[in-house]
Amino acid sequence: MKQELLTWADVDRLIDVLLPPLKIVGSYDAMVLITRGGIIPGGLLAEALGIRHILTAAVDFPATESAGLMAWPSFLQFPDQALLRDRRTLIVDDVWGSGRTSTAVKGRVQSSGGIPYTCVLHYNPYRSMFNKAEPDFYGAITDAYIVYPWEVDRGLRGIGMSLPDVN
């Protein structure tokens, strides 16, 4: 599997790519950070965009072999409808791989009466399960397994690889 190890400077560049199109669309009333991957990029974007109404969503997809990628999500944590209703809401995650998580959160924000916009640092159209859906905003397109600087200690081990020697 192709992999890419990002630095903090790489993340800063992705944030810089995202800011102009995010600002063109207008202001956002709320932000939903998808745990855990969306917490750091969401915090950086919230600061840069001046978004103060920050919420989190935790989504779990059961790893059942019979359901496979079509498993229905469980929301372990999700904001109350009243916090989303009539709010332009930016949903942030680190990567859109299969697209299941961002799509599930977008649907839930929409059903709560919010106006959702999805945003990720990386979009992998080659893995996405949705041919007619993609993130509203993304910093880069990739076909690699991305390891962000905040997950270096666990990132590569999670796919059976060791970290490169940095001496």
N, C-alpha and C. Protein backbone atom coordinates (compact mmCIF):
# COMPACT_ATOMS: atom_id res chain seq x y z
N MET A 1 0.85 -1.18 0.00
CA MET A 1 0.00 0.00 0.00
C MET A 1 0.89 1.24 0.00
N LYS A 2 0.61 2.14 -0.90
CA LYS A 2 1.34 3.41 -0.98
C LYS A 2 1.02 4.23 0.27
N GLN A 3 2.04 4.86 0.83
CA GLN A 3 1.85 5.65 2.04
C GLN A 3 2.51 7.01 1.89
N GLU A 4 1.99 7.96 2.65
CA GLU A 4 2.57 9.30 2.64
C GLU A 4 2.59 9.81 4.07
N LEU A 5 3.78 10.16 4.55
CA LEU A 5 3.96 10.67 5.90
C LEU A 5 4.03 12.19 5.81
N LEU A 6 3.06 12.89 6.40
CA LEU A 6 2.99 14.34 6.33
C LEU A 6 3.71 15.01 7.49
N THR A 7 4.20 16.20 7.24
CA THR A 7 4.79 17.04 8.29
C THR A 7 3.76 18.10 8.68
N TRP A 8 4.07 18.84 9.75
CA TRP A 8 3.19 19.93 10.14
C TRP A 8 3.16 21.01 9.06
N ALA A 9 4.27 21.20 8.36
CA ALA A 9 4.30 22.18 7.26
C ALA A 9 3.36 21.74 6.14
N ASP A 10 3.29 20.43 5.88
CA ASP A 10 2.36 19.92 4.87
C ASP A 10 0.91 20.21 5.27
N VAL A 11 0.61 20.03 6.54
CA VAL A 11 -0.74 20.29 7.05
C VAL A 11 -1.06 21.78 6.91
N ASP A 12 -0.10 22.64 7.26
CA ASP A 12 -0.30 24.09 7.11
C ASP A 12 -0.60 24.45 5.66
N ARG A 13 0.09 23.82 4.71
CA ARG A 13 -0.17 24.09 3.29
C ARG A 13 -1.58 23.65 2.89
N LEU A 14 -2.04 22.51 3.41
CA LEU A 14 -3.39 22.04 3.10
C LEU A 14 -4.45 23.00 3.67
N ILE A 15 -4.22 23.49 4.87
CA ILE A 15 -5.13 24.47 5.47
C ILE A 15 -5.16 25.73 4.60
N ASP A 16 -3.99 26.16 4.13
CA ASP A 16 -3.92 27.34 3.26
C ASP A 16 -4.66 27.13 1.95
N VAL A 17 -4.67 25.91 1.44
CA VAL A 17 -5.41 25.59 0.21
C VAL A 17 -6.91 25.65 0.48
N LEU A 18 -7.33 25.18 1.64
CA LEU A 18 -8.76 25.12 1.98
C LEU A 18 -9.39 26.47 2.30
N LEU A 19 -8.64 27.37 2.89
CA LEU A 19 -9.22 28.62 3.38
C LEU A 19 -9.89 29.47 2.30
N PRO A 20 -9.27 29.74 1.15
CA PRO A 20 -9.95 30.60 0.16
C PRO A 20 -11.30 30.06 -0.30
N PRO A 21 -11.42 28.79 -0.71
CA PRO A 21 -12.76 28.33 -1.12
C PRO A 21 -13.76 28.30 0.03
N LEU A 22 -13.31 28.00 1.24
CA LEU A 22 -14.21 28.02 2.39
C LEU A 22 -14.75 29.42 2.64
N LYS A 23 -13.90 30.42 2.50
CA LYS A 23 -14.31 31.81 2.73
C LYS A 23 -15.23 32.31 1.62
N ILE A 24 -15.01 31.86 0.39
CA ILE A 24 -15.84 32.29 -0.74
C ILE A 24 -17.29 31.88 -0.53
N VAL A 25 -17.50 30.69 0.01
CA VAL A 25 -18.86 30.18 0.23
C VAL A 25 -19.59 30.99 1.29
N GLY A 26 -18.86 31.61 2.17
CA GLY A 26 -19.49 32.44 3.20
C GLY A 26 -19.10 32.01 4.59
N SER A 27 -19.80 32.53 5.57
CA SER A 27 -19.48 32.20 6.96
C SER A 27 -20.25 30.95 7.39
N TYR A 28 -19.77 30.36 8.46
CA TYR A 28 -20.38 29.15 9.01
C TYR A 28 -20.81 29.45 10.44
N ASP A 29 -21.97 28.93 10.79
CA ASP A 29 -22.51 29.15 12.13
C ASP A 29 -22.02 28.12 13.13
N ALA A 30 -21.58 26.97 12.63
CA ALA A 30 -21.15 25.88 13.50
C ALA A 30 -20.16 25.00 12.76
N MET A 31 -19.44 24.22 13.54
CA MET A 31 -18.52 23.24 12.98
C MET A 31 -18.71 21.94 13.75
N VAL A 32 -18.79 20.83 13.01
CA VAL A 32 -18.83 19.51 13.64
C VAL A 32 -17.53 18.80 13.28
N LEU A 33 -16.74 18.47 14.31
CA LEU A 33 -15.49 17.76 14.13
C LEU A 33 -15.76 16.27 14.29
N ILE A 34 -15.36 15.49 13.30
CA ILE A 34 -15.53 14.04 13.39
C ILE A 34 -14.33 13.49 14.14
N THR A 35 -14.62 12.78 15.24
CA THR A 35 -13.53 12.23 16.05
C THR A 35 -12.98 10.97 15.39
N ARG A 36 -11.77 10.75 15.54
CA ARG A 36 -10.69 11.54 16.08
C ARG A 36 -10.00 12.35 14.99
N GLY A 37 -10.09 11.91 13.76
CA GLY A 37 -9.34 12.53 12.67
C GLY A 37 -9.62 13.98 12.41
N GLY A 38 -10.83 14.45 12.69
CA GLY A 38 -11.18 15.83 12.37
C GLY A 38 -10.86 16.84 13.45
N ILE A 39 -10.41 16.37 14.60
CA ILE A 39 -10.21 17.29 15.72
C ILE A 39 -9.11 18.32 15.44
N ILE A 40 -7.95 17.88 15.01
CA ILE A 40 -6.85 18.83 14.78
C ILE A 40 -7.10 19.70 13.55
N PRO A 41 -7.42 19.13 12.39
CA PRO A 41 -7.69 20.03 11.26
C PRO A 41 -8.88 20.95 11.52
N GLY A 42 -9.88 20.46 12.23
CA GLY A 42 -11.04 21.29 12.56
C GLY A 42 -10.67 22.44 13.47
N GLY A 43 -9.82 22.18 14.44
CA GLY A 43 -9.36 23.24 15.33
C GLY A 43 -8.59 24.31 14.58
N LEU A 44 -7.73 23.89 13.66
CA LEU A 44 -6.97 24.84 12.86
C LEU A 44 -7.90 25.68 11.98
N LEU A 45 -8.87 25.03 11.36
CA LEU A 45 -9.82 25.75 10.50
C LEU A 45 -10.73 26.67 11.30
N ALA A 46 -11.17 26.20 12.46
CA ALA A 46 -12.05 27.03 13.31
C ALA A 46 -11.34 28.31 13.71
N GLU A 47 -10.09 28.19 14.06
CA GLU A 47 -9.31 29.37 14.45
C GLU A 47 -9.17 30.33 13.26
N ALA A 48 -8.82 29.79 12.10
CA ALA A 48 -8.59 30.62 10.91
C ALA A 48 -9.88 31.26 10.40
N LEU A 49 -11.01 30.58 10.58
CA LEU A 49 -12.29 31.09 10.07
C LEU A 49 -13.11 31.83 11.14
N GLY A 50 -12.64 31.80 12.36
CA GLY A 50 -13.36 32.48 13.44
C GLY A 50 -14.64 31.78 13.86
N ILE A 51 -14.69 30.47 13.69
CA ILE A 51 -15.88 29.70 14.10
C ILE A 51 -15.75 29.37 15.58
N ARG A 52 -16.75 29.74 16.35
CA ARG A 52 -16.70 29.53 17.80
C ARG A 52 -17.65 28.44 18.28
N HIS A 53 -18.61 28.07 17.47
CA HIS A 53 -19.61 27.06 17.84
C HIS A 53 -19.09 25.70 17.34
N ILE A 54 -18.29 25.02 18.19
CA ILE A 54 -17.59 23.79 17.81
C ILE A 54 -18.26 22.60 18.50
N LEU A 55 -18.64 21.61 17.70
CA LEU A 55 -19.30 20.41 18.20
C LEU A 55 -18.53 19.18 17.71
N THR A 56 -18.81 18.02 18.30
CA THR A 56 -18.13 16.79 17.85
C THR A 56 -19.15 15.69 17.55
N ALA A 57 -18.72 14.81 16.66
CA ALA A 57 -19.51 13.62 16.33
C ALA A 57 -18.57 12.43 16.33
N ALA A 58 -18.98 11.37 17.00
CA ALA A 58 -18.22 10.12 17.01
C ALA A 58 -19.07 9.06 16.33
N VAL A 59 -18.51 8.46 15.30
CA VAL A 59 -19.24 7.49 14.49
C VAL A 59 -18.49 6.16 14.51
N ASP A 60 -19.25 5.09 14.63
CA ASP A 60 -18.65 3.76 14.62
C ASP A 60 -19.37 2.92 13.57
N PHE A 61 -18.58 2.24 12.76
CA PHE A 61 -19.14 1.28 11.80
C PHE A 61 -18.75 -0.11 12.29
N PRO A 62 -19.73 -0.95 12.59
CA PRO A 62 -19.40 -2.29 13.09
C PRO A 62 -18.61 -3.08 12.05
N ALA A 63 -17.63 -3.78 12.53
CA ALA A 63 -16.78 -4.57 11.65
C ALA A 63 -17.35 -5.98 11.52
N THR A 64 -18.49 -6.08 10.88
CA THR A 64 -19.09 -7.39 10.67
C THR A 64 -18.81 -7.82 9.25
N GLU A 65 -18.39 -9.03 9.12
CA GLU A 65 -18.04 -9.54 7.79
C GLU A 65 -19.26 -9.63 6.89
N SER A 66 -20.41 -9.96 7.45
CA SER A 66 -21.61 -10.10 6.63
C SER A 66 -22.06 -8.76 6.05
N ALA A 67 -21.95 -7.68 6.83
CA ALA A 67 -22.36 -6.37 6.34
C ALA A 67 -21.27 -5.71 5.51
N GLY A 68 -20.01 -6.01 5.84
CA GLY A 68 -18.90 -5.41 5.11
C GLY A 68 -18.95 -3.90 5.17
N LEU A 69 -18.67 -3.25 4.05
CA LEU A 69 -18.67 -1.79 3.99
C LEU A 69 -20.08 -1.21 4.01
N MET A 70 -21.10 -2.06 3.92
CA MET A 70 -22.48 -1.55 3.91
C MET A 70 -23.09 -1.49 5.31
N ALA A 71 -22.28 -1.70 6.35
CA ALA A 71 -22.78 -1.67 7.73
C ALA A 71 -23.37 -0.31 8.06
N TRP A 72 -24.43 -0.30 8.84
CA TRP A 72 -25.10 0.92 9.27
C TRP A 72 -24.31 1.53 10.41
N PRO A 73 -24.09 2.85 10.42
CA PRO A 73 -23.27 3.47 11.48
C PRO A 73 -24.00 3.60 12.80
N SER A 74 -23.22 3.58 13.87
CA SER A 74 -23.70 3.93 15.20
C SER A 74 -23.09 5.28 15.54
N PHE A 75 -23.92 6.18 16.02
CA PHE A 75 -23.42 7.48 16.46
C PHE A 75 -23.18 7.38 17.96
N LEU A 76 -21.92 7.30 18.35
CA LEU A 76 -21.56 7.21 19.76
C LEU A 76 -21.76 8.55 20.45
N GLN A 77 -21.62 9.61 19.66
CA GLN A 77 -21.81 10.97 20.17
C GLN A 77 -22.25 11.82 18.99
N PHE A 78 -23.26 12.66 19.23
CA PHE A 78 -23.73 13.56 18.17
C PHE A 78 -24.44 14.75 18.81
N PRO A 79 -24.24 15.95 18.25
CA PRO A 79 -24.88 17.14 18.83
C PRO A 79 -26.40 17.07 18.79
N ASP A 80 -27.03 17.68 19.77
CA ASP A 80 -28.47 17.79 19.81
C ASP A 80 -28.97 18.58 18.59
N GLN A 81 -30.14 18.21 18.09
CA GLN A 81 -30.72 18.87 16.91
C GLN A 81 -30.80 20.38 17.07
N ALA A 82 -31.12 20.85 18.24
CA ALA A 82 -31.27 22.29 18.48
C ALA A 82 -29.97 23.04 18.23
N LEU A 83 -28.83 22.37 18.37
CA LEU A 83 -27.54 23.01 18.15
C LEU A 83 -27.18 23.13 16.67
N LEU A 84 -27.94 22.43 15.82
CA LEU A 84 -27.64 22.41 14.38
C LEU A 84 -28.71 23.08 13.53
N ARG A 85 -29.94 23.11 14.03
CA ARG A 85 -31.07 23.60 13.24
C ARG A 85 -30.80 25.01 12.70
N ASP A 86 -30.99 25.15 11.39
CA ASP A 86 -30.84 26.42 10.67
C ASP A 86 -29.41 26.98 10.70
N ARG A 87 -28.44 26.15 11.00
CA ARG A 87 -27.05 26.62 11.05
C ARG A 87 -26.26 26.08 9.86
N ARG A 88 -25.52 26.98 9.21
CA ARG A 88 -24.57 26.56 8.19
C ARG A 88 -23.43 25.87 8.93
N THR A 89 -23.31 24.56 8.71
CA THR A 89 -22.41 23.74 9.52
C THR A 89 -21.31 23.12 8.68
N LEU A 90 -20.07 23.39 9.06
CA LEU A 90 -18.91 22.81 8.39
C LEU A 90 -18.53 21.52 9.13
N ILE A 91 -18.57 20.41 8.40
CA ILE A 91 -18.22 19.09 8.96
C ILE A 91 -16.79 18.79 8.55
N VAL A 92 -15.91 18.54 9.53
CA VAL A 92 -14.49 18.37 9.23
C VAL A 92 -13.99 17.01 9.66
N ASP A 93 -13.26 16.36 8.75
CA ASP A 93 -12.54 15.11 9.04
C ASP A 93 -11.18 15.21 8.37
N ASP A 94 -10.31 14.26 8.68
CA ASP A 94 -8.98 14.30 8.06
C ASP A 94 -9.01 13.80 6.62
N VAL A 95 -9.68 12.69 6.39
CA VAL A 95 -9.64 12.08 5.06
C VAL A 95 -11.02 11.53 4.67
N TRP A 96 -11.33 11.61 3.40
CA TRP A 96 -12.51 10.95 2.81
C TRP A 96 -11.95 9.76 2.07
N GLY A 97 -12.03 8.59 2.71
CA GLY A 97 -11.60 7.35 2.05
C GLY A 97 -12.81 6.72 1.39
N SER A 98 -13.51 5.88 2.12
CA SER A 98 -14.74 5.30 1.58
C SER A 98 -15.85 6.35 1.51
N GLY A 99 -15.75 7.38 2.35
CA GLY A 99 -16.75 8.43 2.39
C GLY A 99 -17.90 8.14 3.33
N ARG A 100 -17.90 6.96 3.95
CA ARG A 100 -19.02 6.58 4.81
C ARG A 100 -19.22 7.51 5.99
N THR A 101 -18.12 7.87 6.67
CA THR A 101 -18.25 8.67 7.88
C THR A 101 -18.75 10.07 7.58
N SER A 102 -18.10 10.76 6.65
CA SER A 102 -18.53 12.12 6.31
C SER A 102 -19.97 12.14 5.80
N THR A 103 -20.31 11.16 4.99
CA THR A 103 -21.66 11.09 4.43
C THR A 103 -22.70 10.84 5.52
N ALA A 104 -22.37 9.96 6.47
CA ALA A 104 -23.29 9.68 7.57
C ALA A 104 -23.52 10.93 8.43
N VAL A 105 -22.43 11.64 8.74
CA VAL A 105 -22.55 12.85 9.56
C VAL A 105 -23.31 13.93 8.79
N LYS A 106 -23.02 14.08 7.51
CA LYS A 106 -23.73 15.07 6.69
C LYS A 106 -25.24 14.79 6.70
N GLY A 107 -25.61 13.54 6.53
CA GLY A 107 -27.02 13.17 6.55
C GLY A 107 -27.68 13.47 7.88
N ARG A 108 -26.96 13.23 8.94
CA ARG A 108 -27.51 13.48 10.28
C ARG A 108 -27.66 14.98 10.55
N VAL A 109 -26.67 15.77 10.10
CA VAL A 109 -26.78 17.24 10.26
C VAL A 109 -27.97 17.74 9.45
N GLN A 110 -28.12 17.24 8.24
CA GLN A 110 -29.23 17.65 7.37
C GLN A 110 -30.58 17.28 7.99
N SER A 111 -30.66 16.07 8.54
CA SER A 111 -31.93 15.65 9.15
C SER A 111 -32.23 16.41 10.44
N SER A 112 -31.20 17.05 11.01
CA SER A 112 -31.40 17.89 12.20
C SER A 112 -31.79 19.31 11.84
N GLY A 113 -31.89 19.59 10.54
CA GLY A 113 -32.27 20.92 10.10
C GLY A 113 -31.10 21.84 9.82
N GLY A 114 -29.88 21.30 9.88
CA GLY A 114 -28.69 22.10 9.58
C GLY A 114 -28.40 22.14 8.09
N ILE A 115 -27.52 23.01 7.69
CA ILE A 115 -27.09 23.14 6.30
C ILE A 115 -25.64 22.67 6.26
N PRO A 116 -25.39 21.40 5.87
CA PRO A 116 -24.06 20.82 6.00
C PRO A 116 -23.14 21.08 4.80
N TYR A 117 -21.86 21.26 5.12
CA TYR A 117 -20.78 21.32 4.13
C TYR A 117 -19.67 20.41 4.65
N THR A 118 -19.19 19.51 3.80
CA THR A 118 -18.14 18.58 4.24
C THR A 118 -16.77 19.10 3.80
N CYS A 119 -15.78 18.87 4.66
CA CYS A 119 -14.43 19.36 4.43
C CYS A 119 -13.43 18.34 4.96
N VAL A 120 -12.46 17.97 4.14
CA VAL A 120 -11.40 17.05 4.56
C VAL A 120 -10.06 17.55 4.04
N LEU A 121 -9.00 17.11 4.68
CA LEU A 121 -7.67 17.45 4.18
C LEU A 121 -7.37 16.67 2.90
N HIS A 122 -7.72 15.38 2.89
CA HIS A 122 -7.45 14.53 1.72
C HIS A 122 -8.71 13.81 1.26
N TYR A 123 -8.87 13.76 -0.04
CA TYR A 123 -9.97 13.06 -0.69
C TYR A 123 -9.38 11.95 -1.55
N ASN A 124 -9.85 10.72 -1.32
CA ASN A 124 -9.39 9.57 -2.10
C ASN A 124 -10.56 9.08 -2.96
N PRO A 125 -10.69 9.60 -4.19
CA PRO A 125 -11.81 9.21 -5.04
C PRO A 125 -11.73 7.75 -5.49
N TYR A 126 -10.54 7.17 -5.37
CA TYR A 126 -10.33 5.78 -5.81
C TYR A 126 -10.90 4.78 -4.80
N ARG A 127 -11.09 5.21 -3.56
CA ARG A 127 -11.66 4.35 -2.52
C ARG A 127 -13.10 4.69 -2.20
N SER A 128 -13.57 5.85 -2.63
CA SER A 128 -14.90 6.32 -2.26
C SER A 128 -15.98 5.35 -2.74
N MET A 129 -16.94 5.12 -1.87
CA MET A 129 -18.07 4.25 -2.21
C MET A 129 -19.17 5.02 -2.93
N PHE A 130 -19.00 6.32 -3.07
CA PHE A 130 -20.05 7.16 -3.62
C PHE A 130 -19.58 7.80 -4.92
N ASN A 131 -20.20 7.42 -6.05
CA ASN A 131 -19.78 8.01 -7.33
C ASN A 131 -20.38 9.40 -7.52
N LYS A 132 -21.47 9.71 -6.86
CA LYS A 132 -22.10 11.02 -7.06
C LYS A 132 -21.94 11.93 -5.85
N ALA A 133 -21.10 11.55 -4.92
CA ALA A 133 -20.86 12.38 -3.74
C ALA A 133 -19.36 12.50 -3.51
N GLU A 134 -18.96 13.66 -3.12
CA GLU A 134 -17.57 13.92 -2.75
C GLU A 134 -17.58 15.04 -1.73
N PRO A 135 -16.47 15.26 -1.05
CA PRO A 135 -16.47 16.36 -0.08
C PRO A 135 -16.68 17.69 -0.78
N ASP A 136 -17.35 18.61 -0.10
CA ASP A 136 -17.54 19.95 -0.66
C ASP A 136 -16.21 20.68 -0.77
N PHE A 137 -15.31 20.42 0.17
CA PHE A 137 -13.98 21.04 0.18
C PHE A 137 -12.95 19.99 0.53
N TYR A 138 -11.83 20.00 -0.17
CA TYR A 138 -10.71 19.13 0.17
C TYR A 138 -9.41 19.81 -0.20
N GLY A 139 -8.37 19.51 0.58
CA GLY A 139 -7.07 20.13 0.36
C GLY A 139 -6.28 19.48 -0.75
N ALA A 140 -6.42 18.16 -0.90
CA ALA A 140 -5.66 17.43 -1.92
C ALA A 140 -6.37 16.12 -2.25
N ILE A 141 -6.12 15.64 -3.45
CA ILE A 141 -6.58 14.31 -3.87
C ILE A 141 -5.41 13.36 -3.68
N THR A 142 -5.71 12.15 -3.22
CA THR A 142 -4.65 11.17 -2.98
C THR A 142 -5.13 9.77 -3.28
N ASP A 143 -4.19 8.88 -3.49
CA ASP A 143 -4.48 7.45 -3.56
C ASP A 143 -3.63 6.71 -2.53
N ALA A 144 -3.02 7.46 -1.63
CA ALA A 144 -2.11 6.89 -0.63
C ALA A 144 -2.78 6.80 0.73
N TYR A 145 -2.19 5.97 1.58
CA TYR A 145 -2.56 5.93 2.99
C TYR A 145 -1.81 7.08 3.64
N ILE A 146 -2.52 8.06 4.17
CA ILE A 146 -1.92 9.26 4.73
C ILE A 146 -1.69 9.07 6.23
N VAL A 147 -0.48 9.42 6.67
CA VAL A 147 -0.16 9.43 8.09
C VAL A 147 0.12 10.89 8.46
N TYR A 148 -0.75 11.44 9.30
CA TYR A 148 -0.63 12.83 9.71
C TYR A 148 0.37 12.95 10.85
N PRO A 149 0.95 14.14 11.05
CA PRO A 149 1.99 14.28 12.07
C PRO A 149 1.51 13.96 13.49
N TRP A 150 0.23 14.12 13.76
CA TRP A 150 -0.28 13.84 15.10
C TRP A 150 -0.53 12.35 15.33
N GLU A 151 -0.37 11.54 14.29
CA GLU A 151 -0.60 10.11 14.45
C GLU A 151 0.61 9.27 14.07
N VAL A 152 1.77 9.88 13.99
CA VAL A 152 2.98 9.19 13.56
C VAL A 152 3.25 7.95 14.41
N ASP A 153 3.05 8.04 15.71
CA ASP A 153 3.34 6.91 16.59
C ASP A 153 2.44 5.71 16.36
N ARG A 154 1.23 5.92 15.86
CA ARG A 154 0.31 4.81 15.65
C ARG A 154 -0.01 4.55 14.18
N GLY A 155 0.21 5.51 13.31
CA GLY A 155 -0.22 5.44 11.93
C GLY A 155 0.25 4.25 11.13
N LEU A 156 1.55 4.09 10.98
CA LEU A 156 2.07 3.03 10.13
C LEU A 156 1.94 1.65 10.78
N ARG A 157 2.05 1.61 12.11
CA ARG A 157 1.89 0.32 12.79
C ARG A 157 0.49 -0.26 12.56
N GLY A 158 -0.49 0.63 12.41
CA GLY A 158 -1.86 0.21 12.21
C GLY A 158 -2.08 -0.53 10.90
N ILE A 159 -1.15 -0.37 9.96
CA ILE A 159 -1.28 -1.09 8.68
C ILE A 159 -0.12 -2.08 8.50
N GLY A 160 0.51 -2.46 9.64
CA GLY A 160 1.55 -3.48 9.59
C GLY A 160 2.88 -3.00 9.04
N MET A 161 3.19 -1.72 9.21
CA MET A 161 4.45 -1.18 8.72
C MET A 161 5.19 -0.53 9.87
N SER A 162 6.50 -0.41 9.74
CA SER A 162 7.27 0.25 10.78
C SER A 162 7.61 1.67 10.34
N LEU A 163 7.92 2.49 11.32
CA LEU A 163 8.27 3.88 11.04
C LEU A 163 9.66 3.96 10.43
N PRO A 164 9.89 4.90 9.51
CA PRO A 164 11.23 5.07 8.94
C PRO A 164 12.19 5.62 9.99
N ASP A 165 13.47 5.28 9.87
CA ASP A 165 14.49 5.79 10.76
C ASP A 165 14.74 7.25 10.42
N VAL A 166 14.61 8.15 11.38
CA VAL A 166 14.75 9.58 11.11
C VAL A 166 16.06 10.15 11.61
N ASN A 167 17.06 9.33 11.84
CA ASN A 167 18.37 9.82 12.33
C ASN A 167 19.14 10.50 11.25
